[in-house]
Amino acid sequence: METKELYREILNEHNINPLHKTALNDATHTLNGVNPSCGDNITLNLKVEGGVISDAAFTGSGCAISQASCDMMIDLIIGKKEEDALKYAETFMNMIQGKASEDEIESLDEAAALQDISKMPARVKCAELGWRTMREMLLSKAAEKSALNPHC
């Protein structure tokens, strides 16, 4: 099977049968992400316990790329520390911009299937939506914690 065909299958599977597109009633972090250029809209929910993302889910609607990318991201970050999830987001953004090494891209697991999105500029924001939302959420929560306890 050709690599591009395999990537297409991974994308389709995550779009048609997303594992994480559901409500998460006991989320500790929730943020809505919107891509105004095409109407993609997600609500990302994370359950963070002791700095580790123990569960995650999303709801919303959008194109196949935005939905599949968010589902792949969640596969990758469940069970990971918040700082590791942020590193994955940085790696994903670098991959889309053509700045990631092969090893970094490989660390993204199935999300590496979106590497060629960089060749479709109109779809880049679709692929990045979940990742940007997760990054914004985790960074704003970290800033809140610092403001509440400046001695940490």
N, C-alpha and C. Protein backbone atom coordinates (compact mmCIF):
# COMPACT_ATOMS: atom_id res chain seq x y z
N MET A 1 0.84 -1.17 0.00
CA MET A 1 0.00 0.00 0.00
C MET A 1 0.89 1.24 0.00
N GLU A 2 0.58 2.18 -0.83
CA GLU A 2 1.35 3.42 -0.93
C GLU A 2 1.15 4.27 0.33
N THR A 3 2.17 4.99 0.72
CA THR A 3 2.13 5.80 1.94
C THR A 3 0.98 6.78 1.94
N LYS A 4 0.78 7.50 0.84
CA LYS A 4 -0.30 8.49 0.78
C LYS A 4 -1.67 7.83 0.96
N GLU A 5 -1.82 6.64 0.40
CA GLU A 5 -3.08 5.92 0.55
C GLU A 5 -3.29 5.50 2.01
N LEU A 6 -2.22 5.05 2.65
CA LEU A 6 -2.29 4.68 4.06
C LEU A 6 -2.69 5.90 4.90
N TYR A 7 -2.07 7.04 4.63
CA TYR A 7 -2.40 8.27 5.36
C TYR A 7 -3.85 8.66 5.16
N ARG A 8 -4.33 8.50 3.94
CA ARG A 8 -5.74 8.80 3.65
C ARG A 8 -6.66 7.90 4.45
N GLU A 9 -6.30 6.62 4.56
CA GLU A 9 -7.10 5.67 5.34
C GLU A 9 -7.12 6.02 6.82
N ILE A 10 -5.96 6.42 7.36
CA ILE A 10 -5.88 6.83 8.76
C ILE A 10 -6.78 8.04 8.99
N LEU A 11 -6.69 9.02 8.12
CA LEU A 11 -7.51 10.22 8.22
C LEU A 11 -9.00 9.87 8.16
N ASN A 12 -9.38 9.06 7.20
CA ASN A 12 -10.78 8.66 7.05
C ASN A 12 -11.29 7.89 8.27
N GLU A 13 -10.47 7.01 8.80
CA GLU A 13 -10.89 6.21 9.96
C GLU A 13 -11.15 7.11 11.16
N HIS A 14 -10.27 8.07 11.40
CA HIS A 14 -10.46 8.98 12.54
C HIS A 14 -11.63 9.93 12.32
N ASN A 15 -11.96 10.22 11.08
CA ASN A 15 -13.10 11.09 10.80
C ASN A 15 -14.41 10.32 10.91
N ILE A 16 -14.47 9.14 10.33
CA ILE A 16 -15.71 8.36 10.30
C ILE A 16 -16.00 7.70 11.64
N ASN A 17 -14.96 7.19 12.29
CA ASN A 17 -15.12 6.48 13.57
C ASN A 17 -14.23 7.09 14.65
N PRO A 18 -14.45 8.33 15.00
CA PRO A 18 -13.58 8.94 16.02
C PRO A 18 -13.81 8.29 17.38
N LEU A 19 -12.73 7.96 18.04
CA LEU A 19 -12.82 7.32 19.35
C LEU A 19 -13.14 8.31 20.47
N HIS A 20 -12.81 9.57 20.24
CA HIS A 20 -12.88 10.54 21.32
C HIS A 20 -13.92 11.65 21.10
N LYS A 21 -14.79 11.48 20.12
CA LYS A 21 -15.82 12.49 19.86
C LYS A 21 -17.04 12.13 20.70
N THR A 22 -17.04 12.67 21.92
CA THR A 22 -18.07 12.36 22.90
C THR A 22 -18.01 13.40 24.02
N ALA A 23 -19.01 13.39 24.86
CA ALA A 23 -18.99 14.28 26.02
C ALA A 23 -18.02 13.74 27.06
N LEU A 24 -17.47 14.63 27.85
CA LEU A 24 -16.61 14.25 28.97
C LEU A 24 -17.10 15.06 30.17
N ASN A 25 -17.99 14.44 30.93
CA ASN A 25 -18.69 15.17 31.99
C ASN A 25 -17.81 15.59 33.16
N ASP A 26 -16.72 14.88 33.40
CA ASP A 26 -15.87 15.24 34.55
C ASP A 26 -14.59 15.95 34.13
N ALA A 27 -14.65 16.70 33.02
CA ALA A 27 -13.49 17.44 32.53
C ALA A 27 -13.07 18.51 33.54
N THR A 28 -11.77 18.70 33.66
CA THR A 28 -11.24 19.77 34.49
C THR A 28 -10.90 21.00 33.66
N HIS A 29 -10.75 20.80 32.35
CA HIS A 29 -10.40 21.87 31.43
C HIS A 29 -11.33 21.79 30.21
N THR A 30 -11.91 22.90 29.82
CA THR A 30 -12.78 22.95 28.65
C THR A 30 -12.52 24.23 27.89
N LEU A 31 -12.40 24.12 26.57
CA LEU A 31 -12.22 25.31 25.76
C LEU A 31 -12.81 25.07 24.38
N ASN A 32 -13.48 26.10 23.88
CA ASN A 32 -14.04 26.04 22.53
C ASN A 32 -13.02 26.60 21.56
N GLY A 33 -12.85 25.92 20.44
CA GLY A 33 -11.95 26.38 19.39
C GLY A 33 -12.72 26.53 18.09
N VAL A 34 -12.47 27.63 17.39
CA VAL A 34 -13.20 27.92 16.16
C VAL A 34 -12.22 28.29 15.06
N ASN A 35 -12.50 27.81 13.87
CA ASN A 35 -11.75 28.21 12.69
C ASN A 35 -12.73 29.04 11.85
N PRO A 36 -12.72 30.36 12.00
CA PRO A 36 -13.72 31.19 11.32
C PRO A 36 -13.63 31.15 9.80
N SER A 37 -12.47 30.78 9.26
CA SER A 37 -12.34 30.78 7.80
C SER A 37 -13.15 29.68 7.13
N CYS A 38 -13.46 28.60 7.88
CA CYS A 38 -14.25 27.54 7.25
C CYS A 38 -15.40 27.03 8.10
N GLY A 39 -15.49 27.52 9.35
CA GLY A 39 -16.61 27.13 10.19
C GLY A 39 -16.38 25.94 11.10
N ASP A 40 -15.17 25.37 11.11
CA ASP A 40 -14.88 24.29 12.04
C ASP A 40 -15.05 24.81 13.45
N ASN A 41 -15.65 23.99 14.32
CA ASN A 41 -15.94 24.41 15.68
C ASN A 41 -15.85 23.19 16.57
N ILE A 42 -14.95 23.24 17.55
CA ILE A 42 -14.82 22.12 18.49
C ILE A 42 -14.87 22.63 19.92
N THR A 43 -15.30 21.78 20.81
CA THR A 43 -15.15 22.01 22.24
C THR A 43 -14.27 20.87 22.74
N LEU A 44 -13.10 21.24 23.23
CA LEU A 44 -12.13 20.27 23.72
C LEU A 44 -12.25 20.18 25.24
N ASN A 45 -12.32 18.96 25.74
CA ASN A 45 -12.43 18.70 27.17
C ASN A 45 -11.28 17.80 27.60
N LEU A 46 -10.58 18.22 28.64
CA LEU A 46 -9.50 17.42 29.20
C LEU A 46 -9.77 17.18 30.67
N LYS A 47 -9.40 16.01 31.12
CA LYS A 47 -9.40 15.71 32.55
C LYS A 47 -7.93 15.58 32.94
N VAL A 48 -7.47 16.55 33.74
CA VAL A 48 -6.07 16.59 34.15
C VAL A 48 -5.99 16.31 35.64
N GLU A 49 -5.19 15.32 35.99
CA GLU A 49 -5.01 14.93 37.39
C GLU A 49 -3.52 14.84 37.69
N GLY A 50 -3.08 15.69 38.62
CA GLY A 50 -1.66 15.68 38.99
C GLY A 50 -0.75 15.99 37.83
N GLY A 51 -1.18 16.85 36.93
CA GLY A 51 -0.35 17.24 35.80
C GLY A 51 -0.38 16.27 34.63
N VAL A 52 -1.20 15.22 34.74
CA VAL A 52 -1.29 14.21 33.68
C VAL A 52 -2.70 14.24 33.08
N ILE A 53 -2.76 14.18 31.76
CA ILE A 53 -4.05 14.16 31.06
C ILE A 53 -4.57 12.73 31.14
N SER A 54 -5.53 12.52 32.03
CA SER A 54 -6.03 11.16 32.25
C SER A 54 -7.16 10.80 31.29
N ASP A 55 -7.84 11.80 30.74
CA ASP A 55 -8.89 11.54 29.75
C ASP A 55 -9.10 12.81 28.93
N ALA A 56 -9.67 12.64 27.76
CA ALA A 56 -9.93 13.77 26.87
C ALA A 56 -11.00 13.38 25.88
N ALA A 57 -11.72 14.39 25.42
CA ALA A 57 -12.76 14.17 24.41
C ALA A 57 -13.05 15.50 23.73
N PHE A 58 -13.76 15.43 22.61
CA PHE A 58 -14.18 16.65 21.94
C PHE A 58 -15.57 16.46 21.35
N THR A 59 -16.23 17.57 21.16
CA THR A 59 -17.50 17.60 20.46
C THR A 59 -17.40 18.74 19.45
N GLY A 60 -18.34 18.79 18.53
CA GLY A 60 -18.35 19.87 17.55
C GLY A 60 -18.50 19.34 16.15
N SER A 61 -18.29 20.24 15.22
CA SER A 61 -18.45 19.87 13.82
C SER A 61 -17.39 20.57 12.98
N GLY A 62 -17.17 20.01 11.84
CA GLY A 62 -16.19 20.59 10.93
C GLY A 62 -15.82 19.60 9.85
N CYS A 63 -14.82 19.98 9.10
CA CYS A 63 -14.38 19.13 7.98
C CYS A 63 -13.67 17.89 8.51
N ALA A 64 -13.45 16.95 7.60
CA ALA A 64 -12.79 15.68 7.97
C ALA A 64 -11.42 15.92 8.59
N ILE A 65 -10.68 16.89 8.08
CA ILE A 65 -9.33 17.12 8.58
C ILE A 65 -9.36 17.63 10.01
N SER A 66 -10.22 18.59 10.32
CA SER A 66 -10.26 19.12 11.69
C SER A 66 -10.71 18.06 12.68
N GLN A 67 -11.69 17.27 12.31
CA GLN A 67 -12.22 16.25 13.22
C GLN A 67 -11.21 15.11 13.42
N ALA A 68 -10.62 14.65 12.35
CA ALA A 68 -9.64 13.56 12.44
C ALA A 68 -8.39 14.01 13.19
N SER A 69 -7.93 15.22 12.93
CA SER A 69 -6.73 15.73 13.58
C SER A 69 -6.94 15.81 15.09
N CYS A 70 -8.09 16.30 15.51
CA CYS A 70 -8.40 16.41 16.94
C CYS A 70 -8.45 15.02 17.58
N ASP A 71 -9.06 14.06 16.91
CA ASP A 71 -9.14 12.70 17.43
C ASP A 71 -7.75 12.07 17.56
N MET A 72 -6.90 12.27 16.55
CA MET A 72 -5.53 11.75 16.60
C MET A 72 -4.74 12.39 17.73
N MET A 73 -4.94 13.70 17.91
CA MET A 73 -4.25 14.42 18.97
C MET A 73 -4.61 13.82 20.33
N ILE A 74 -5.89 13.59 20.53
CA ILE A 74 -6.34 13.04 21.82
C ILE A 74 -5.76 11.65 22.05
N ASP A 75 -5.72 10.82 21.00
CA ASP A 75 -5.06 9.51 21.12
C ASP A 75 -3.65 9.66 21.69
N LEU A 76 -2.96 10.68 21.20
CA LEU A 76 -1.56 10.89 21.55
C LEU A 76 -1.36 11.43 22.96
N ILE A 77 -2.27 12.30 23.43
CA ILE A 77 -2.01 12.99 24.69
C ILE A 77 -2.59 12.32 25.94
N ILE A 78 -3.55 11.42 25.78
CA ILE A 78 -4.09 10.74 26.97
C ILE A 78 -2.98 9.93 27.64
N GLY A 79 -2.84 10.15 28.94
CA GLY A 79 -1.80 9.47 29.71
C GLY A 79 -0.48 10.22 29.75
N LYS A 80 -0.43 11.36 29.08
CA LYS A 80 0.80 12.15 29.03
C LYS A 80 0.74 13.33 29.98
N LYS A 81 1.90 13.80 30.40
CA LYS A 81 2.00 15.00 31.22
C LYS A 81 1.62 16.20 30.35
N GLU A 82 1.13 17.25 31.01
CA GLU A 82 0.75 18.47 30.29
C GLU A 82 1.91 19.01 29.45
N GLU A 83 3.12 19.04 30.02
CA GLU A 83 4.26 19.59 29.27
C GLU A 83 4.59 18.74 28.05
N ASP A 84 4.35 17.43 28.13
CA ASP A 84 4.58 16.57 26.97
C ASP A 84 3.53 16.84 25.89
N ALA A 85 2.29 17.07 26.30
CA ALA A 85 1.24 17.41 25.33
C ALA A 85 1.58 18.72 24.62
N LEU A 86 2.12 19.68 25.35
CA LEU A 86 2.52 20.95 24.74
C LEU A 86 3.68 20.74 23.75
N LYS A 87 4.59 19.84 24.08
CA LYS A 87 5.69 19.53 23.15
C LYS A 87 5.15 18.88 21.88
N TYR A 88 4.17 17.99 22.02
CA TYR A 88 3.56 17.39 20.84
C TYR A 88 2.90 18.47 19.97
N ALA A 89 2.23 19.43 20.60
CA ALA A 89 1.59 20.50 19.84
C ALA A 89 2.63 21.31 19.08
N GLU A 90 3.75 21.60 19.73
CA GLU A 90 4.82 22.34 19.07
C GLU A 90 5.39 21.53 17.89
N THR A 91 5.58 20.25 18.11
CA THR A 91 6.09 19.38 17.04
C THR A 91 5.11 19.34 15.88
N PHE A 92 3.81 19.23 16.18
CA PHE A 92 2.80 19.19 15.14
C PHE A 92 2.84 20.47 14.31
N MET A 93 2.89 21.62 14.98
CA MET A 93 2.94 22.90 14.26
C MET A 93 4.21 23.00 13.42
N ASN A 94 5.33 22.55 13.98
CA ASN A 94 6.58 22.54 13.21
C ASN A 94 6.49 21.62 12.00
N MET A 95 5.84 20.47 12.17
CA MET A 95 5.66 19.55 11.05
C MET A 95 4.89 20.22 9.92
N ILE A 96 3.80 20.90 10.28
CA ILE A 96 2.96 21.56 9.29
C ILE A 96 3.75 22.65 8.56
N GLN A 97 4.69 23.29 9.27
CA GLN A 97 5.50 24.35 8.68
C GLN A 97 6.77 23.81 8.00
N GLY A 98 6.93 22.49 8.00
CA GLY A 98 8.10 21.90 7.36
C GLY A 98 9.38 22.05 8.16
N LYS A 99 9.27 22.27 9.47
CA LYS A 99 10.44 22.51 10.32
C LYS A 99 10.76 21.35 11.25
N ALA A 100 10.02 20.26 11.20
CA ALA A 100 10.23 19.14 12.12
C ALA A 100 11.14 18.09 11.50
N SER A 101 11.95 17.46 12.34
CA SER A 101 12.81 16.37 11.87
C SER A 101 11.96 15.11 11.69
N GLU A 102 12.51 14.13 11.01
CA GLU A 102 11.81 12.86 10.82
C GLU A 102 11.50 12.20 12.15
N ASP A 103 12.45 12.25 13.10
CA ASP A 103 12.22 11.66 14.43
C ASP A 103 11.09 12.36 15.15
N GLU A 104 11.05 13.69 15.05
CA GLU A 104 9.97 14.44 15.68
C GLU A 104 8.62 14.07 15.06
N ILE A 105 8.60 13.99 13.74
CA ILE A 105 7.36 13.64 13.05
C ILE A 105 6.91 12.24 13.45
N GLU A 106 7.85 11.33 13.54
CA GLU A 106 7.53 9.96 13.94
C GLU A 106 6.93 9.91 15.34
N SER A 107 7.35 10.83 16.22
CA SER A 107 6.83 10.85 17.59
C SER A 107 5.34 11.20 17.64
N LEU A 108 4.82 11.77 16.56
CA LEU A 108 3.40 12.14 16.50
C LEU A 108 2.49 10.97 16.18
N ASP A 109 3.07 9.80 15.95
CA ASP A 109 2.30 8.60 15.66
C ASP A 109 1.37 8.85 14.47
N GLU A 110 0.08 8.55 14.59
CA GLU A 110 -0.83 8.68 13.45
C GLU A 110 -1.02 10.12 13.00
N ALA A 111 -0.81 11.08 13.88
CA ALA A 111 -0.95 12.49 13.49
C ALA A 111 0.06 12.87 12.41
N ALA A 112 1.11 12.08 12.26
CA ALA A 112 2.08 12.32 11.18
C ALA A 112 1.42 12.17 9.81
N ALA A 113 0.27 11.52 9.78
CA ALA A 113 -0.46 11.36 8.52
C ALA A 113 -0.86 12.71 7.93
N LEU A 114 -0.85 13.76 8.74
CA LEU A 114 -1.24 15.09 8.28
C LEU A 114 -0.06 15.93 7.80
N GLN A 115 1.08 15.32 7.65
CA GLN A 115 2.29 16.04 7.25
C GLN A 115 2.11 16.80 5.93
N ASP A 116 1.42 16.23 4.97
CA ASP A 116 1.28 16.87 3.66
C ASP A 116 0.26 18.00 3.63
N ILE A 117 -0.41 18.26 4.74
CA ILE A 117 -1.37 19.37 4.81
C ILE A 117 -0.68 20.68 4.49
N SER A 118 0.61 20.77 4.77
CA SER A 118 1.35 22.00 4.48
C SER A 118 1.28 22.37 3.00
N LYS A 119 1.02 21.39 2.16
CA LYS A 119 0.92 21.65 0.72
C LYS A 119 -0.47 22.13 0.33
N MET A 120 -1.37 22.20 1.31
CA MET A 120 -2.75 22.69 1.09
C MET A 120 -3.00 23.82 2.08
N PRO A 121 -2.48 25.02 1.82
CA PRO A 121 -2.54 26.12 2.79
C PRO A 121 -3.94 26.41 3.33
N ALA A 122 -4.96 26.22 2.54
CA ALA A 122 -6.32 26.50 2.99
C ALA A 122 -6.77 25.52 4.08
N ARG A 123 -6.10 24.39 4.20
CA ARG A 123 -6.50 23.36 5.17
C ARG A 123 -5.64 23.32 6.42
N VAL A 124 -4.57 24.12 6.45
CA VAL A 124 -3.66 24.12 7.59
C VAL A 124 -4.40 24.46 8.89
N LYS A 125 -5.22 25.51 8.87
CA LYS A 125 -5.95 25.90 10.09
C LYS A 125 -6.91 24.80 10.54
N CYS A 126 -7.43 24.05 9.60
CA CYS A 126 -8.31 22.93 9.95
C CYS A 126 -7.54 21.89 10.75
N ALA A 127 -6.36 21.52 10.26
CA ALA A 127 -5.55 20.51 10.92
C ALA A 127 -5.05 20.99 12.28
N GLU A 128 -4.80 22.28 12.41
CA GLU A 128 -4.24 22.82 13.64
C GLU A 128 -5.27 23.13 14.73
N LEU A 129 -6.54 23.14 14.40
CA LEU A 129 -7.57 23.61 15.33
C LEU A 129 -7.51 22.93 16.70
N GLY A 130 -7.55 21.63 16.76
CA GLY A 130 -7.51 20.93 18.04
C GLY A 130 -6.22 21.18 18.79
N TRP A 131 -5.11 21.19 18.08
CA TRP A 131 -3.79 21.39 18.68
C TRP A 131 -3.67 22.81 19.26
N ARG A 132 -4.14 23.82 18.50
CA ARG A 132 -4.10 25.20 19.00
C ARG A 132 -4.99 25.35 20.22
N THR A 133 -6.15 24.72 20.18
CA THR A 133 -7.10 24.80 21.30
C THR A 133 -6.50 24.17 22.55
N MET A 134 -5.90 23.00 22.40
CA MET A 134 -5.27 22.32 23.53
C MET A 134 -4.12 23.15 24.08
N ARG A 135 -3.31 23.70 23.20
CA ARG A 135 -2.17 24.52 23.63
C ARG A 135 -2.65 25.74 24.40
N GLU A 136 -3.62 26.45 23.85
CA GLU A 136 -4.17 27.64 24.50
C GLU A 136 -4.73 27.29 25.88
N MET A 137 -5.46 26.18 25.95
CA MET A 137 -6.07 25.74 27.20
C MET A 137 -5.01 25.46 28.27
N LEU A 138 -4.01 24.66 27.92
CA LEU A 138 -3.00 24.28 28.90
C LEU A 138 -2.15 25.47 29.33
N LEU A 139 -1.81 26.34 28.39
CA LEU A 139 -1.00 27.51 28.74
C LEU A 139 -1.78 28.50 29.60
N SER A 140 -3.07 28.67 29.33
CA SER A 140 -3.86 29.60 30.14
C SER A 140 -4.07 29.04 31.55
N LYS A 141 -4.23 27.72 31.68
CA LYS A 141 -4.37 27.11 33.00
C LYS A 141 -3.06 27.24 33.78
N ALA A 142 -1.93 27.08 33.10
CA ALA A 142 -0.63 27.23 33.76
C ALA A 142 -0.44 28.67 34.23
N ALA A 143 -0.87 29.63 33.43
CA ALA A 143 -0.76 31.04 33.80
C ALA A 143 -1.65 31.34 35.01
N GLU A 144 -2.84 30.74 35.02
CA GLU A 144 -3.75 30.93 36.17
C GLU A 144 -3.11 30.40 37.45
N LYS A 145 -2.50 29.22 37.37
CA LYS A 145 -1.86 28.63 38.54
C LYS A 145 -0.72 29.52 39.04
N SER A 146 0.08 30.06 38.13
CA SER A 146 1.18 30.94 38.51
C SER A 146 0.68 32.20 39.17
N ALA A 147 -0.40 32.76 38.66
CA ALA A 147 -0.96 33.99 39.22
C ALA A 147 -1.52 33.74 40.62
N LEU A 148 -2.10 32.57 40.82
CA LEU A 148 -2.68 32.25 42.13
C LEU A 148 -1.62 31.92 43.17
N ASN A 149 -0.50 31.36 42.72
CA ASN A 149 0.55 30.95 43.64
C ASN A 149 1.90 31.39 43.09
N PRO A 150 2.25 32.66 43.25
CA PRO A 150 3.47 33.18 42.62
C PRO A 150 4.76 32.61 43.19
N HIS A 151 4.70 31.85 44.28
CA HIS A 151 5.91 31.28 44.87
C HIS A 151 6.26 29.92 44.29
N CYS A 152 5.49 29.41 43.35
CA CYS A 152 5.77 28.10 42.76
C CYS A 152 6.72 28.23 41.59
